[in-house]
C-alpha cells in the first residue's frame, strides 16, 4: 500500500546572518578529525565496505564489513588487534557493546553476543523483523523491529519487555534506534525519515526531521535528503544522524543545531569522552566535537 510522504519540521531551527563563506568555516570547525585509520584492502586493519562501529570501556574500537562477518578490533589509537568472525552468510547490520565486556552483533534477525576480549560466541537470540540495536546505560539491549515495536533484552538475551508503539503515530517501520541516558528512545521511521522521540514507555514526546523534496541549498537543514544510515547520542542528549555526506545534529527536543560534512559516513558511536567514531568506508574516523 502506497502512503503519502509526511514531512516533519522541528520546533525551532537555528539560523544566523553570516556570509556563506563564514558559515562554511563554522560548520567545518565543529568537528575536528583527530584520528583516521583503515583504508582499502583485505589485510589486517583494512576494509572493503565497513558500515558499523562500536567502542567499549577499555578503548577498543570495533568495525565490521557489511558482508562476510568480519569484525576487526583496534586499540584506542587505531592499531589492529584481532579479528572476530560472525555469521559469514549474513550482513552485519549493527554493533554495540555493554559495560560487562559483551559485543553484540545484529545480523538479519539474529542477535549474537560475543565476549569482546576473546571473540568467543556466547549466545544467539532470534528476533523477527529486527532492524537495529541500541544499548542503554543500564545495560539493557533495545532492538527495534520493522513491525513497529521495540524489544528490550537483558545482556544474556532474556526478553524483559516489549514496547508497543501506538498505531496512531504511524511508526510501523522502525529502521534505526538510539537511546539516551534517561532511557528515552529515538526511532527513525524508514519510510518518511522522521525521527520520533519516545519516552521509556513508548509515548510520543516529539518528532522531527522528515524527507525533504528539495535539493541542495533549498533543502531545509532540519530535514533529510535521502536515507539516514545511523543515529547516535552524546552525553548531553544531542542526536546525530549520518547521511553519507553529512552528519546532522539536533538537541534533545529535536531542534536542528548544526552539521558537518563527511565522506561515506555510515555507522557512528561515542566513547565516554564524547569523541565520535564514524565508519567512513573504507576508514574509521575519530572526531572531536567543538560546540
Protein backbone atom coordinates (compact mmCIF):
# COMPACT_ATOMS: atom_id res chain seq x y z
CA UNK A 1 0.00 0.00 0.00
CA UNK A 2 1.41 3.37 -1.01
CA UNK A 3 1.37 6.12 1.60
CA UNK A 4 1.75 9.84 1.28
CA UNK A 5 5.16 11.01 2.46
CA UNK A 6 4.89 13.10 5.61
CA UNK A 7 7.32 15.87 6.42
CA UNK A 8 8.02 16.98 9.97
CA UNK A 9 9.79 20.15 10.98
CA UNK A 10 11.40 20.76 14.36
CA UNK A 11 10.12 23.16 16.97
CA UNK A 12 12.89 25.62 16.18
CA UNK A 13 15.66 25.92 13.58
CA UNK A 14 18.91 27.70 14.36
CA UNK A 15 19.75 30.39 11.82
CA UNK A 16 22.30 33.15 11.52
CA UNK A 17 23.18 36.07 9.26
CA UNK A 18 26.72 35.06 8.46
CA UNK A 19 28.04 35.05 4.92
CA UNK A 20 28.15 31.63 3.20
CA UNK A 21 31.95 31.60 3.50
CA UNK A 22 31.93 32.24 7.24
CA UNK A 23 29.09 29.78 7.75
CA UNK A 24 31.08 27.05 5.97
CA UNK A 25 34.08 27.80 8.18
CA UNK A 26 31.86 27.43 11.26
CA UNK A 27 30.47 24.12 10.01
CA UNK A 28 33.98 22.82 9.33
CA UNK A 29 35.19 23.80 12.77
CA UNK A 30 32.58 21.96 14.84
CA UNK A 31 34.12 18.55 14.09
CA UNK A 32 37.89 18.13 14.22
CA UNK A 33 39.31 14.92 12.75
CA UNK A 34 41.81 13.65 15.31
CA UNK A 35 42.35 10.06 14.14
CA UNK A 36 41.89 8.18 10.88
CA UNK A 37 42.86 4.61 10.10
CA UNK A 38 41.94 1.73 7.81
CA UNK A 39 41.95 2.11 4.06
CA UNK A 40 41.12 -0.09 1.10
CA UNK A 41 42.20 -3.72 1.34
CA UNK A 42 41.59 -7.15 2.81
CA UNK A 43 44.54 -7.41 5.21
CA UNK A 44 44.85 -6.54 8.87
CA UNK A 45 43.34 -3.14 9.59
CA UNK A 46 41.98 -2.70 6.05
CA UNK A 47 38.36 -2.56 4.87
CA UNK A 48 36.29 -3.02 1.74
CA UNK A 49 32.84 -1.95 3.00
CA UNK A 50 32.73 -1.25 6.76
CA UNK A 51 29.41 0.30 7.78
CA UNK A 52 29.09 -0.39 11.51
CA UNK A 53 31.16 0.63 14.52
CA UNK A 54 31.26 0.36 18.31
CA UNK A 55 33.63 1.27 21.15
CA UNK A 56 33.94 -0.21 24.62
CA UNK A 57 35.00 0.99 28.08
CA UNK A 58 38.53 -0.32 27.50
CA UNK A 59 39.01 1.97 24.50
CA UNK A 60 38.74 -0.78 21.91
CA UNK A 61 37.18 0.05 18.55
CA UNK A 62 35.15 -2.50 16.58
CA UNK A 63 34.20 -2.08 12.93
CA UNK A 64 32.65 -4.70 10.66
CA UNK A 65 32.47 -5.38 6.96
CA UNK A 66 28.89 -5.22 5.72
CA UNK A 67 29.09 -8.76 4.34
CA UNK A 68 31.27 -11.72 5.22
CA UNK A 69 31.00 -11.49 9.02
CA UNK A 70 34.45 -9.91 9.51
CA UNK A 71 34.69 -7.68 12.60
CA UNK A 72 38.07 -6.05 13.18
CA UNK A 73 39.23 -4.93 16.62
CA UNK A 74 41.59 -1.98 17.20
CA UNK A 75 43.11 -0.35 20.24
CA UNK A 76 42.31 3.25 21.18
CA UNK A 77 44.96 4.61 18.80
CA UNK A 78 43.79 2.61 15.78
CA UNK A 79 46.28 -0.26 15.89
CA UNK A 80 44.87 -3.56 14.67
CA UNK A 81 44.48 -6.10 17.48
CA UNK A 82 42.48 -9.07 16.23
CA UNK A 83 39.51 -10.20 14.16
CA UNK A 84 36.19 -11.67 15.30
CA UNK A 85 34.25 -13.74 12.79
CA UNK A 86 30.46 -13.64 12.97
CA UNK A 87 27.98 -15.40 10.64
CA UNK A 88 29.63 -15.28 7.21
CA UNK A 89 26.31 -15.76 5.37
CA UNK A 90 24.53 -12.64 6.67
CA UNK A 91 25.20 -8.92 6.60
CA UNK A 92 26.29 -7.12 9.77
CA UNK A 93 23.52 -4.61 10.42
CA UNK A 94 24.53 -3.18 13.81
CA UNK A 95 27.20 -3.40 16.51
CA UNK A 96 27.09 -2.47 20.19
CA UNK A 97 28.95 -3.08 23.45
CA UNK A 98 27.92 -3.06 27.08
CA UNK A 99 29.96 -2.39 30.21
CA UNK A 100 30.16 -6.09 31.06
CA UNK A 101 32.55 -6.88 28.22
CA UNK A 102 29.96 -8.08 25.70
CA UNK A 103 29.95 -7.29 22.00
CA UNK A 104 26.53 -7.52 20.33
CA UNK A 105 26.20 -8.13 16.60
CA UNK A 106 22.88 -7.90 14.78
CA UNK A 107 22.78 -9.98 11.61
CA UNK A 108 19.41 -10.25 9.96
CA UNK A 109 17.03 -11.45 12.66
CA UNK A 110 19.79 -12.90 14.86
CA UNK A 111 21.37 -11.04 17.78
CA UNK A 112 24.76 -12.57 18.58
CA UNK A 113 26.61 -11.96 21.84
CA UNK A 114 30.39 -12.27 21.79
CA UNK A 115 32.96 -11.86 24.51
CA UNK A 116 34.68 -8.67 23.38
CA UNK A 117 38.05 -9.68 24.82
CA UNK A 118 38.36 -13.09 23.19
CA UNK A 119 35.75 -13.16 20.44
CA UNK A 120 34.02 -16.19 21.96
CA UNK A 121 30.44 -16.55 20.69
CA UNK A 122 28.33 -16.69 23.86
CA UNK A 123 24.75 -16.76 22.61
CA UNK A 124 22.31 -16.11 19.77
CA UNK A 125 18.79 -14.70 20.09
CA UNK A 126 16.23 -14.77 17.28
CA UNK A 127 14.25 -11.53 16.87
CA UNK A 128 11.79 -11.49 13.99
CA UNK A 129 11.86 -8.34 11.81
CA UNK A 130 14.81 -6.88 13.76
CA UNK A 131 16.30 -3.73 12.24
CA UNK A 132 18.72 -2.09 14.69
CA UNK A 133 20.02 -2.20 18.25
CA UNK A 134 20.98 0.27 20.97
CA UNK A 135 22.38 -0.29 24.45
CA UNK A 136 21.31 1.78 27.44
CA UNK A 137 23.47 2.92 30.32
CA UNK A 138 21.60 0.38 32.44
CA UNK A 139 22.92 -2.41 30.22
CA UNK A 140 19.57 -3.20 28.62
CA UNK A 141 19.60 -4.11 24.95
CA UNK A 142 16.98 -2.37 22.80
CA UNK A 143 16.17 -3.95 19.45
CA UNK A 144 13.84 -2.18 17.03
CA UNK A 145 11.69 -4.07 14.56
CA UNK A 146 10.01 -3.27 11.29
CA UNK A 147 6.71 -4.19 12.91
CA UNK A 148 6.55 -1.00 14.94
CA UNK A 149 7.78 -2.26 18.29
CA UNK A 150 10.93 -2.19 20.41
CA UNK A 151 12.01 -5.27 22.34
CA UNK A 152 14.12 -4.95 25.47
CA UNK A 153 16.56 -7.71 26.48
CA UNK A 154 19.00 -8.39 29.27
CA UNK A 155 22.65 -8.80 28.34
CA UNK A 156 22.10 -12.58 28.45
CA UNK A 157 19.37 -12.38 25.82
CA UNK A 158 16.33 -12.70 28.08
CA UNK A 159 13.30 -10.73 26.91
CA UNK A 160 12.44 -8.14 29.57
CA UNK A 161 9.80 -6.05 27.84
CA UNK A 162 8.16 -5.25 24.52
CA UNK A 163 7.42 -1.58 23.93
CA UNK A 164 4.37 -1.33 21.72
CA UNK A 165 4.13 1.81 19.58
CA UNK A 166 0.67 3.30 19.16
CA UNK A 167 -0.71 2.77 15.65
CA UNK A 168 -1.85 6.39 15.74
CA UNK A 169 1.79 7.52 15.41
CA UNK A 170 2.15 5.85 12.01
CA UNK A 171 5.52 4.49 13.14
CA UNK A 172 5.31 0.95 11.88
CA UNK A 173 8.65 0.61 10.09
CA UNK A 174 11.42 1.44 12.57
CA UNK A 175 14.74 1.37 10.73
CA UNK A 176 17.15 2.92 13.25
CA UNK A 177 17.12 3.43 17.00
CA UNK A 178 19.12 5.22 19.71
CA UNK A 179 18.64 5.55 23.48
CA UNK A 180 19.72 8.44 25.70
CA UNK A 181 20.91 8.46 29.31
CA UNK A 182 17.34 8.85 30.60
CA UNK A 183 16.06 5.83 28.71
CA UNK A 184 14.25 7.92 26.08
CA UNK A 185 14.19 6.32 22.65
CA UNK A 186 14.78 7.91 19.25
CA UNK A 187 13.25 5.87 16.44
CA UNK A 188 13.71 6.58 12.74
CA UNK A 189 10.77 5.74 10.51
CA UNK A 190 12.23 4.14 7.39
CA UNK A 191 9.51 5.35 5.07
CA UNK A 192 9.39 9.10 5.70
CA UNK A 193 12.74 9.62 7.51
CA UNK A 194 11.03 11.20 10.52
CA UNK A 195 12.64 10.77 13.94
CA UNK A 196 10.25 10.04 16.81
CA UNK A 197 11.41 10.70 20.37
CA UNK A 198 9.61 8.32 22.73
CA UNK A 199 9.50 8.00 26.49
CA UNK A 200 10.81 4.74 28.02
CA UNK A 201 7.17 3.55 27.92
CA UNK A 202 6.82 4.36 24.22
CA UNK A 203 4.81 7.60 24.49
CA UNK A 204 5.50 10.26 21.88
CA UNK A 205 7.48 13.23 23.19
CA UNK A 206 8.28 14.95 19.89
CA UNK A 207 9.06 14.20 16.27
CA UNK A 208 11.27 15.95 13.75
CA UNK A 209 13.23 15.54 10.55
CA UNK A 210 11.34 14.08 7.61
CA UNK A 211 12.32 13.53 3.99
CA UNK A 212 12.84 16.73 2.01
CA UNK A 213 11.60 17.12 -1.55
CA UNK A 214 14.05 19.98 -2.09
CA UNK A 215 17.70 19.62 -3.04
CA UNK A 216 20.93 21.48 -2.47
CA UNK A 217 20.73 24.88 -0.82
CA UNK A 218 16.93 24.82 -0.98
CA UNK A 219 16.67 21.81 1.32
CA UNK A 220 15.75 22.72 4.92
CA UNK A 221 18.70 21.80 7.12
CA UNK A 222 16.37 20.26 9.68
CA UNK A 223 15.21 17.65 7.16
CA UNK A 224 16.92 14.76 5.41
CA UNK A 225 17.75 14.21 1.78
CA UNK A 226 17.71 10.52 1.02
CA UNK A 227 18.44 7.87 3.60
CA UNK A 228 19.60 8.19 7.21
CA UNK A 229 22.08 5.39 7.96
CA UNK A 230 22.54 5.68 11.71
CA UNK A 231 21.57 7.54 14.87
CA UNK A 232 23.66 8.09 17.97
CA UNK A 233 23.51 10.31 21.07
CA UNK A 234 26.21 12.15 23.00
CA UNK A 235 26.41 12.66 26.76
CA UNK A 236 24.35 15.87 26.52
CA UNK A 237 21.42 14.09 24.88
CA UNK A 238 22.10 15.55 21.43
CA UNK A 239 21.19 13.35 18.48
CA UNK A 240 23.47 12.76 15.48
CA UNK A 241 22.14 11.45 12.16
CA UNK A 242 24.51 10.21 9.44
CA UNK A 243 23.58 10.63 5.78
CA UNK A 244 26.79 9.55 3.97
CA UNK A 245 27.95 13.07 3.04
CA UNK A 246 26.93 14.92 6.21
CA UNK A 247 26.13 14.37 9.85
CA UNK A 248 23.29 16.47 11.24
CA UNK A 249 22.99 17.37 14.92
CA UNK A 250 19.78 18.01 16.88
CA UNK A 251 19.18 18.93 20.51
CA UNK A 252 17.21 16.66 22.85
CA UNK A 253 13.95 18.32 21.75
CA UNK A 254 14.57 17.81 18.05
CA UNK A 255 15.72 21.34 17.22
CA UNK A 256 18.33 21.46 14.48
CA UNK A 257 21.70 22.66 15.80
CA UNK A 258 24.38 22.15 13.18
CA UNK A 259 26.00 19.76 10.75
CA UNK A 260 29.36 18.86 9.28
CA UNK A 261 30.42 17.32 6.01
CA UNK A 262 31.65 13.73 5.80
CA UNK A 263 32.57 11.16 3.17
CA UNK A 264 30.91 7.73 3.09
CA UNK A 265 29.67 8.05 6.69
CA UNK A 266 27.52 5.16 7.89
CA UNK A 267 27.67 3.82 11.47
CA UNK A 268 28.54 6.05 14.44
CA UNK A 269 29.43 5.58 18.10
CA UNK A 270 30.54 7.77 21.01
CA UNK A 271 33.08 6.83 23.66
CA UNK A 272 32.91 8.00 27.28
CA UNK A 273 35.00 11.07 26.42
CA UNK A 274 32.36 12.22 23.89
CA UNK A 275 34.60 11.57 20.90
CA UNK A 276 32.61 10.50 17.85
CA UNK A 277 33.77 7.46 15.86
CA UNK A 278 32.42 7.03 12.33
CA UNK A 279 32.57 4.06 9.98
CA UNK A 280 33.52 6.11 6.93
CA UNK A 281 34.24 3.33 4.49
CA UNK A 282 36.95 2.21 4.00
CA UNK A 283 38.20 4.14 7.03
CA UNK A 284 37.39 4.70 10.69
CA UNK A 285 37.48 8.37 11.68
CA UNK A 286 37.53 9.79 15.18
CA UNK A 287 36.18 13.33 15.64
CA UNK A 288 36.42 15.82 18.47
CA UNK A 289 33.26 17.98 18.58
CA UNK A 290 33.84 21.67 19.23
CA UNK A 291 30.44 23.14 20.07
